[in-house]
Structures are given as C-alpha cells and as structure tokens.
C-alpha cells in the first residue's frame, strides 16, 4: 500500500509545466462552475420555492463543471504523455 502511494506521488510530481497548468486552470474553472451551481441551488430552494427552470439550469451547470474537471485532468495527463514521448 505504501509503495503504491509513493508511485502515485512521484508520477504526479513528474508532470510537466504545461500539463500542470492545464490541470490547475481546468480544475479552477470547474470549481467555479460548481460553486455557481451550488449558489443557484440554495437560492432556488430558499427564495424561489423550487422553480423547475432554475433547477434544470443548476443541474446543467453542475454537469458541465464535472465534465470540464474530468476533461482537464485527463487532457493534462494525455498532453504530458505525448510531450514526454517526443
């Protein structure tokens, strides 16, 4: 178990600067979208007495945030793999 964690940490630390920037900025953007969705969810439940249109928009924003998070992490790792191959 300990050696597995060490392998993961060393592989994460060896990521290139371009890939690291892709991952960091993608995660920041996804976190911003998820925060906006969370605020809209609480506003919808407290002020608007659950409007279905706002609920749909909130769900769409949250789904987009999770998709961008996954794309940023996977894209950063793929870019790092191809940059190291060259």
N, C-alpha and C. Protein backbone atom coordinates (compact mmCIF):
# COMPACT_ATOMS: atom_id res chain seq x y z
N UNK A 1 0.83 -1.20 0.00
CA UNK A 1 0.00 0.00 0.00
C UNK A 1 0.86 1.26 0.00
N UNK A 2 1.88 1.27 0.82
CA UNK A 2 2.74 2.43 0.92
C UNK A 2 3.52 2.66 -0.37
N UNK A 3 3.97 1.58 -1.01
CA UNK A 3 4.73 1.74 -2.25
C UNK A 3 3.82 2.24 -3.39
N UNK A 4 2.55 1.86 -3.35
CA UNK A 4 1.60 2.34 -4.36
C UNK A 4 1.40 3.83 -4.23
N UNK A 5 1.26 4.31 -3.03
CA UNK A 5 1.09 5.76 -2.79
C UNK A 5 2.34 6.51 -3.22
N UNK A 6 3.50 5.95 -2.96
CA UNK A 6 4.75 6.60 -3.37
C UNK A 6 4.85 6.69 -4.89
N UNK A 7 4.41 5.64 -5.59
CA UNK A 7 4.43 5.66 -7.05
C UNK A 7 3.50 6.74 -7.60
N UNK A 8 2.33 6.87 -6.99
CA UNK A 8 1.37 7.88 -7.44
C UNK A 8 1.92 9.28 -7.21
N UNK A 9 2.51 9.51 -6.04
CA UNK A 9 3.05 10.83 -5.71
C UNK A 9 4.22 11.17 -6.63
N UNK A 10 5.10 10.22 -6.91
CA UNK A 10 6.23 10.52 -7.79
C UNK A 10 5.78 10.76 -9.22
N UNK A 11 4.75 10.04 -9.67
CA UNK A 11 4.27 10.28 -11.04
C UNK A 11 3.56 11.62 -11.14
N UNK A 12 2.85 12.04 -10.11
CA UNK A 12 2.20 13.36 -10.13
C UNK A 12 3.24 14.47 -10.08
N UNK A 13 4.30 14.28 -9.31
CA UNK A 13 5.35 15.30 -9.21
C UNK A 13 6.16 15.42 -10.50
N UNK A 14 6.14 14.41 -11.35
CA UNK A 14 6.92 14.47 -12.58
C UNK A 14 6.14 15.04 -13.77
N UNK A 15 4.96 15.56 -13.54
CA UNK A 15 4.16 16.14 -14.61
C UNK A 15 4.81 17.44 -15.07
N UNK A 16 4.82 17.66 -16.37
CA UNK A 16 5.42 18.85 -16.94
C UNK A 16 4.64 20.12 -16.63
N UNK A 17 5.24 21.26 -16.91
CA UNK A 17 4.63 22.54 -16.54
C UNK A 17 3.38 22.85 -17.37
N UNK A 18 3.40 22.52 -18.66
CA UNK A 18 2.22 22.76 -19.50
C UNK A 18 1.04 21.92 -19.02
N UNK A 19 1.28 20.67 -18.76
CA UNK A 19 0.22 19.79 -18.29
C UNK A 19 -0.29 20.22 -16.93
N UNK A 20 0.62 20.65 -16.08
CA UNK A 20 0.24 21.11 -14.74
C UNK A 20 -0.65 22.36 -14.85
N UNK A 21 -0.32 23.26 -15.77
CA UNK A 21 -1.14 24.46 -15.96
C UNK A 21 -2.53 24.11 -16.50
N UNK A 22 -2.59 23.15 -17.43
CA UNK A 22 -3.88 22.71 -17.97
C UNK A 22 -4.74 22.15 -16.85
N UNK A 23 -4.16 21.32 -16.03
CA UNK A 23 -4.92 20.69 -14.94
C UNK A 23 -5.35 21.73 -13.91
N UNK A 24 -4.44 22.61 -13.52
CA UNK A 24 -4.76 23.59 -12.47
C UNK A 24 -5.87 24.54 -12.94
N UNK A 25 -5.72 25.09 -14.14
CA UNK A 25 -6.73 26.05 -14.61
C UNK A 25 -8.06 25.37 -14.92
N UNK A 26 -8.02 24.15 -15.41
CA UNK A 26 -9.25 23.42 -15.64
C UNK A 26 -9.99 23.12 -14.35
N UNK A 27 -9.25 22.73 -13.33
CA UNK A 27 -9.86 22.44 -12.02
C UNK A 27 -10.40 23.73 -11.40
N UNK A 28 -9.69 24.83 -11.55
CA UNK A 28 -10.18 26.10 -11.02
C UNK A 28 -11.48 26.52 -11.71
N UNK A 29 -11.54 26.39 -13.01
CA UNK A 29 -12.74 26.75 -13.75
C UNK A 29 -13.91 25.84 -13.38
N UNK A 30 -13.64 24.54 -13.25
CA UNK A 30 -14.69 23.60 -12.87
C UNK A 30 -15.19 23.88 -11.45
N UNK A 31 -14.28 24.23 -10.56
CA UNK A 31 -14.69 24.57 -9.20
C UNK A 31 -15.55 25.82 -9.18
N UNK A 32 -15.22 26.78 -10.03
CA UNK A 32 -16.05 27.99 -10.14
C UNK A 32 -17.44 27.66 -10.63
N UNK A 33 -17.55 26.82 -11.64
CA UNK A 33 -18.86 26.42 -12.13
C UNK A 33 -19.67 25.66 -11.08
N UNK A 34 -19.00 24.78 -10.36
CA UNK A 34 -19.70 24.03 -9.32
C UNK A 34 -20.14 24.93 -8.18
N UNK A 35 -19.36 25.96 -7.88
CA UNK A 35 -19.75 26.92 -6.85
C UNK A 35 -20.97 27.72 -7.30
N UNK A 36 -20.97 28.14 -8.55
CA UNK A 36 -22.13 28.86 -9.09
C UNK A 36 -23.38 27.98 -9.04
N UNK A 37 -23.23 26.72 -9.40
CA UNK A 37 -24.38 25.79 -9.36
C UNK A 37 -24.88 25.61 -7.93
N UNK A 38 -23.97 25.53 -6.98
CA UNK A 38 -24.37 25.38 -5.58
C UNK A 38 -25.10 26.60 -5.06
N UNK A 39 -24.62 27.79 -5.42
CA UNK A 39 -25.29 29.03 -5.00
C UNK A 39 -26.68 29.12 -5.63
N UNK A 40 -26.78 28.79 -6.91
CA UNK A 40 -28.09 28.79 -7.56
C UNK A 40 -29.04 27.78 -6.92
N UNK A 41 -28.52 26.64 -6.52
CA UNK A 41 -29.35 25.63 -5.88
C UNK A 41 -29.94 26.15 -4.56
N UNK A 42 -29.09 26.77 -3.75
CA UNK A 42 -29.57 27.30 -2.47
C UNK A 42 -30.52 28.47 -2.66
N UNK A 43 -30.24 29.33 -3.64
CA UNK A 43 -31.17 30.44 -3.93
C UNK A 43 -32.50 29.89 -4.42
N UNK A 44 -32.45 28.87 -5.25
CA UNK A 44 -33.68 28.28 -5.78
C UNK A 44 -34.53 27.66 -4.67
N UNK A 45 -33.88 27.00 -3.74
CA UNK A 45 -34.64 26.35 -2.67
C UNK A 45 -35.14 27.33 -1.61
N UNK A 46 -34.45 28.44 -1.42
CA UNK A 46 -34.85 29.34 -0.34
C UNK A 46 -35.71 30.51 -0.83
N UNK A 47 -35.39 31.10 -1.97
CA UNK A 47 -36.12 32.29 -2.41
C UNK A 47 -37.25 31.99 -3.40
N UNK A 48 -37.01 31.08 -4.32
CA UNK A 48 -37.98 30.87 -5.40
C UNK A 48 -38.92 29.69 -5.16
N UNK A 49 -38.80 29.05 -4.03
CA UNK A 49 -39.64 27.89 -3.70
C UNK A 49 -39.58 26.82 -4.79
N UNK A 50 -38.40 26.53 -5.23
CA UNK A 50 -38.08 25.47 -6.18
C UNK A 50 -38.75 25.67 -7.54
N UNK A 51 -38.15 26.52 -8.34
CA UNK A 51 -38.55 26.71 -9.73
C UNK A 51 -37.85 25.64 -10.58
N UNK A 52 -38.59 24.94 -11.42
CA UNK A 52 -38.03 23.84 -12.20
C UNK A 52 -37.05 24.32 -13.26
N UNK A 53 -37.24 25.51 -13.78
CA UNK A 53 -36.29 26.03 -14.78
C UNK A 53 -34.94 26.30 -14.16
N UNK A 54 -34.93 26.89 -12.97
CA UNK A 54 -33.65 27.15 -12.29
C UNK A 54 -33.01 25.84 -11.87
N UNK A 55 -33.82 24.87 -11.48
CA UNK A 55 -33.27 23.56 -11.12
C UNK A 55 -32.59 22.90 -12.32
N UNK A 56 -33.20 23.04 -13.51
CA UNK A 56 -32.59 22.47 -14.72
C UNK A 56 -31.28 23.18 -15.06
N UNK A 57 -31.28 24.51 -14.93
CA UNK A 57 -30.06 25.28 -15.21
C UNK A 57 -28.96 24.91 -14.22
N UNK A 58 -29.33 24.76 -12.96
CA UNK A 58 -28.36 24.38 -11.93
C UNK A 58 -27.76 23.01 -12.23
N UNK A 59 -28.61 22.06 -12.59
CA UNK A 59 -28.13 20.73 -12.92
C UNK A 59 -27.21 20.76 -14.14
N UNK A 60 -27.55 21.56 -15.14
CA UNK A 60 -26.72 21.66 -16.34
C UNK A 60 -25.36 22.27 -16.04
N UNK A 61 -25.34 23.30 -15.20
CA UNK A 61 -24.07 23.93 -14.83
C UNK A 61 -23.20 22.96 -14.04
N UNK A 62 -23.81 22.23 -13.11
CA UNK A 62 -23.04 21.27 -12.31
C UNK A 62 -22.49 20.14 -13.18
N UNK A 63 -23.30 19.65 -14.12
CA UNK A 63 -22.85 18.59 -15.02
C UNK A 63 -21.72 19.09 -15.91
N UNK A 64 -21.82 20.31 -16.38
CA UNK A 64 -20.75 20.88 -17.19
C UNK A 64 -19.47 21.05 -16.38
N UNK A 65 -19.60 21.47 -15.13
CA UNK A 65 -18.43 21.61 -14.26
C UNK A 65 -17.72 20.30 -14.04
N UNK A 66 -18.47 19.23 -13.80
CA UNK A 66 -17.85 17.92 -13.62
C UNK A 66 -17.21 17.42 -14.91
N UNK A 67 -17.84 17.71 -16.03
CA UNK A 67 -17.26 17.30 -17.32
C UNK A 67 -15.96 18.04 -17.59
N UNK A 68 -15.93 19.33 -17.32
CA UNK A 68 -14.71 20.12 -17.53
C UNK A 68 -13.60 19.65 -16.59
N UNK A 69 -13.97 19.30 -15.36
CA UNK A 69 -12.99 18.77 -14.41
C UNK A 69 -12.33 17.51 -14.98
N UNK A 70 -13.15 16.59 -15.44
CA UNK A 70 -12.61 15.33 -15.98
C UNK A 70 -11.79 15.58 -17.24
N UNK A 71 -12.26 16.46 -18.11
CA UNK A 71 -11.53 16.75 -19.34
C UNK A 71 -10.19 17.42 -19.06
N UNK A 72 -10.16 18.30 -18.07
CA UNK A 72 -8.91 18.98 -17.75
C UNK A 72 -7.88 18.00 -17.20
N UNK A 73 -8.30 17.13 -16.29
CA UNK A 73 -7.36 16.18 -15.71
C UNK A 73 -6.89 15.18 -16.75
N UNK A 74 -7.81 14.60 -17.48
CA UNK A 74 -7.43 13.60 -18.49
C UNK A 74 -6.64 14.26 -19.62
N UNK A 75 -7.08 15.44 -20.06
CA UNK A 75 -6.35 16.14 -21.12
C UNK A 75 -4.95 16.53 -20.70
N UNK A 76 -4.79 16.98 -19.47
CA UNK A 76 -3.46 17.31 -18.98
C UNK A 76 -2.54 16.11 -18.94
N UNK A 77 -3.09 14.97 -18.51
CA UNK A 77 -2.27 13.76 -18.46
C UNK A 77 -1.93 13.26 -19.86
N UNK A 78 -2.85 13.38 -20.80
CA UNK A 78 -2.58 12.95 -22.18
C UNK A 78 -1.53 13.86 -22.81
N UNK A 79 -1.66 15.16 -22.61
CA UNK A 79 -0.66 16.10 -23.14
C UNK A 79 0.71 15.80 -22.55
N UNK A 80 0.76 15.51 -21.25
CA UNK A 80 2.03 15.18 -20.61
C UNK A 80 2.62 13.91 -21.19
N UNK A 81 1.79 12.93 -21.47
CA UNK A 81 2.28 11.67 -22.04
C UNK A 81 2.88 11.91 -23.42
N UNK A 82 2.20 12.70 -24.27
CA UNK A 82 2.71 12.93 -25.62
C UNK A 82 3.91 13.86 -25.64
N UNK A 83 3.98 14.80 -24.72
CA UNK A 83 5.15 15.69 -24.66
C UNK A 83 6.38 14.91 -24.23
N UNK A 84 6.21 13.99 -23.29
CA UNK A 84 7.37 13.19 -22.85
C UNK A 84 7.80 12.18 -23.90
N UNK A 85 6.89 11.76 -24.77
CA UNK A 85 7.25 10.82 -25.83
C UNK A 85 8.08 11.46 -26.91
N UNK A 86 7.89 12.75 -27.13
CA UNK A 86 8.59 13.45 -28.23
C UNK A 86 10.03 13.68 -27.92
